[in-house]
């Protein structure tokens, strides 16, 4: 492959990752990779939650006692 083709392929991959992130936000699936990137950038001294802990926290946040409600 030529360099131009690789560049196009990389742009397409980046767009598809963005579409995937947007889809996850719409359907309410927590994005663990984004959380880890945020922790590494903004909280380098803190250990991130495990994937299981992160998902449990997000489910509790969404459906728990203090989660979003319509009424």
C-alpha atoms as a PDB file:
ATOM      1  CA  UNK A   1       0.000   0.000   0.000  1.00  0.00           C
ATOM      2  CA  UNK A   2       1.086   3.529  -0.661  1.00  0.00           C
ATOM      3  CA  UNK A   3       1.363   6.172   2.043  1.00  0.00           C
ATOM      4  CA  UNK A   4      -1.760   7.933   0.751  1.00  0.00           C
ATOM      5  CA  UNK A   5      -3.785   4.731   1.025  1.00  0.00           C
ATOM      6  CA  UNK A   6      -2.548   4.143   4.582  1.00  0.00           C
ATOM      7  CA  UNK A   7      -3.513   7.700   5.507  1.00  0.00           C
ATOM      8  CA  UNK A   8      -7.031   7.175   4.101  1.00  0.00           C
ATOM      9  CA  UNK A   9      -7.352   3.877   5.938  1.00  0.00           C
ATOM     10  CA  UNK A  10      -6.258   5.480   9.221  1.00  0.00           C
ATOM     11  CA  UNK A  11      -8.777   8.326   8.779  1.00  0.00           C
ATOM     12  CA  UNK A  12     -11.532   5.786   8.120  1.00  0.00           C
ATOM     13  CA  UNK A  13     -10.581   3.829  11.228  1.00  0.00           C
ATOM     14  CA  UNK A  14     -10.660   7.004  13.324  1.00  0.00           C
ATOM     15  CA  UNK A  15     -14.108   7.897  11.976  1.00  0.00           C
ATOM     16  CA  UNK A  16     -15.405   4.400  12.695  1.00  0.00           C
ATOM     17  CA  UNK A  17     -14.080   4.586  16.271  1.00  0.00           C
ATOM     18  CA  UNK A  18     -15.928   7.890  16.668  1.00  0.00           C
ATOM     19  CA  UNK A  19     -19.135   6.368  15.337  1.00  0.00           C
ATOM     20  CA  UNK A  20     -18.723   3.465  17.749  1.00  0.00           C
ATOM     21  CA  UNK A  21     -18.244   5.809  20.707  1.00  0.00           C
ATOM     22  CA  UNK A  22     -21.297   7.840  19.698  1.00  0.00           C
ATOM     23  CA  UNK A  23     -23.385   4.668  19.363  1.00  0.00           C
ATOM     24  CA  UNK A  24     -22.315   3.491  22.803  1.00  0.00           C
ATOM     25  CA  UNK A  25     -23.301   6.837  24.315  1.00  0.00           C
ATOM     26  CA  UNK A  26     -26.709   6.735  22.645  1.00  0.00           C
ATOM     27  CA  UNK A  27     -27.541   3.240  23.880  1.00  0.00           C
ATOM     28  CA  UNK A  28     -25.943   3.823  27.275  1.00  0.00           C
ATOM     29  CA  UNK A  29     -22.998   1.416  27.109  1.00  0.00           C
ATOM     30  CA  UNK A  30     -20.133   2.721  29.251  1.00  0.00           C
ATOM     31  CA  UNK A  31     -16.829   3.287  27.431  1.00  0.00           C
ATOM     32  CA  UNK A  32     -14.091   1.735  29.556  1.00  0.00           C
ATOM     33  CA  UNK A  33     -11.298   2.665  27.126  1.00  0.00           C
ATOM     34  CA  UNK A  34     -12.284   6.341  27.258  1.00  0.00           C
ATOM     35  CA  UNK A  35     -12.398   6.132  31.058  1.00  0.00           C
ATOM     36  CA  UNK A  36      -8.871   4.641  31.156  1.00  0.00           C
ATOM     37  CA  UNK A  37      -7.566   7.340  28.804  1.00  0.00           C
ATOM     38  CA  UNK A  38      -9.162  10.016  30.997  1.00  0.00           C
ATOM     39  CA  UNK A  39      -7.653   8.529  34.148  1.00  0.00           C
ATOM     40  CA  UNK A  40      -4.186   8.347  32.585  1.00  0.00           C
ATOM     41  CA  UNK A  41      -4.349  11.951  31.397  1.00  0.00           C
ATOM     42  CA  UNK A  42      -6.096  13.680  34.297  1.00  0.00           C
ATOM     43  CA  UNK A  43      -5.418  11.424  37.297  1.00  0.00           C
ATOM     44  CA  UNK A  44      -2.016   9.785  36.657  1.00  0.00           C
ATOM     45  CA  UNK A  45      -1.394   8.964  40.316  1.00  0.00           C
ATOM     46  CA  UNK A  46      -4.646   7.061  40.790  1.00  0.00           C
ATOM     47  CA  UNK A  47      -5.240   3.450  39.808  1.00  0.00           C
ATOM     48  CA  UNK A  48      -8.235   3.104  37.465  1.00  0.00           C
ATOM     49  CA  UNK A  49     -11.118   0.827  38.322  1.00  0.00           C
ATOM     50  CA  UNK A  50     -11.091  -2.629  36.809  1.00  0.00           C
ATOM     51  CA  UNK A  51     -13.448  -3.157  33.870  1.00  0.00           C
ATOM     52  CA  UNK A  52     -15.823  -5.065  36.162  1.00  0.00           C
ATOM     53  CA  UNK A  53     -15.778  -2.314  38.821  1.00  0.00           C
ATOM     54  CA  UNK A  54     -16.272   0.359  36.162  1.00  0.00           C
ATOM     55  CA  UNK A  55     -19.270  -1.427  34.621  1.00  0.00           C
ATOM     56  CA  UNK A  56     -20.829  -2.022  38.045  1.00  0.00           C
ATOM     57  CA  UNK A  57     -20.418   1.661  38.919  1.00  0.00           C
ATOM     58  CA  UNK A  58     -21.971   2.764  35.626  1.00  0.00           C
ATOM     59  CA  UNK A  59     -24.932   0.398  36.029  1.00  0.00           C
ATOM     60  CA  UNK A  60     -25.478   1.671  39.562  1.00  0.00           C
ATOM     61  CA  UNK A  61     -25.174   5.247  38.343  1.00  0.00           C
ATOM     62  CA  UNK A  62     -27.769   4.635  35.642  1.00  0.00           C
ATOM     63  CA  UNK A  63     -30.247   2.439  37.515  1.00  0.00           C
ATOM     64  CA  UNK A  64     -29.396   2.998  41.175  1.00  0.00           C
ATOM     65  CA  UNK A  65     -31.310   4.935  43.786  1.00  0.00           C
ATOM     66  CA  UNK A  66     -29.802   8.282  42.754  1.00  0.00           C
ATOM     67  CA  UNK A  67     -29.723   7.551  39.025  1.00  0.00           C
ATOM     68  CA  UNK A  68     -31.626   9.493  36.382  1.00  0.00           C
ATOM     69  CA  UNK A  69     -35.382   9.366  36.748  1.00  0.00           C
ATOM     70  CA  UNK A  70     -38.247  10.652  34.641  1.00  0.00           C
ATOM     71  CA  UNK A  71     -40.561  11.252  37.620  1.00  0.00           C
END
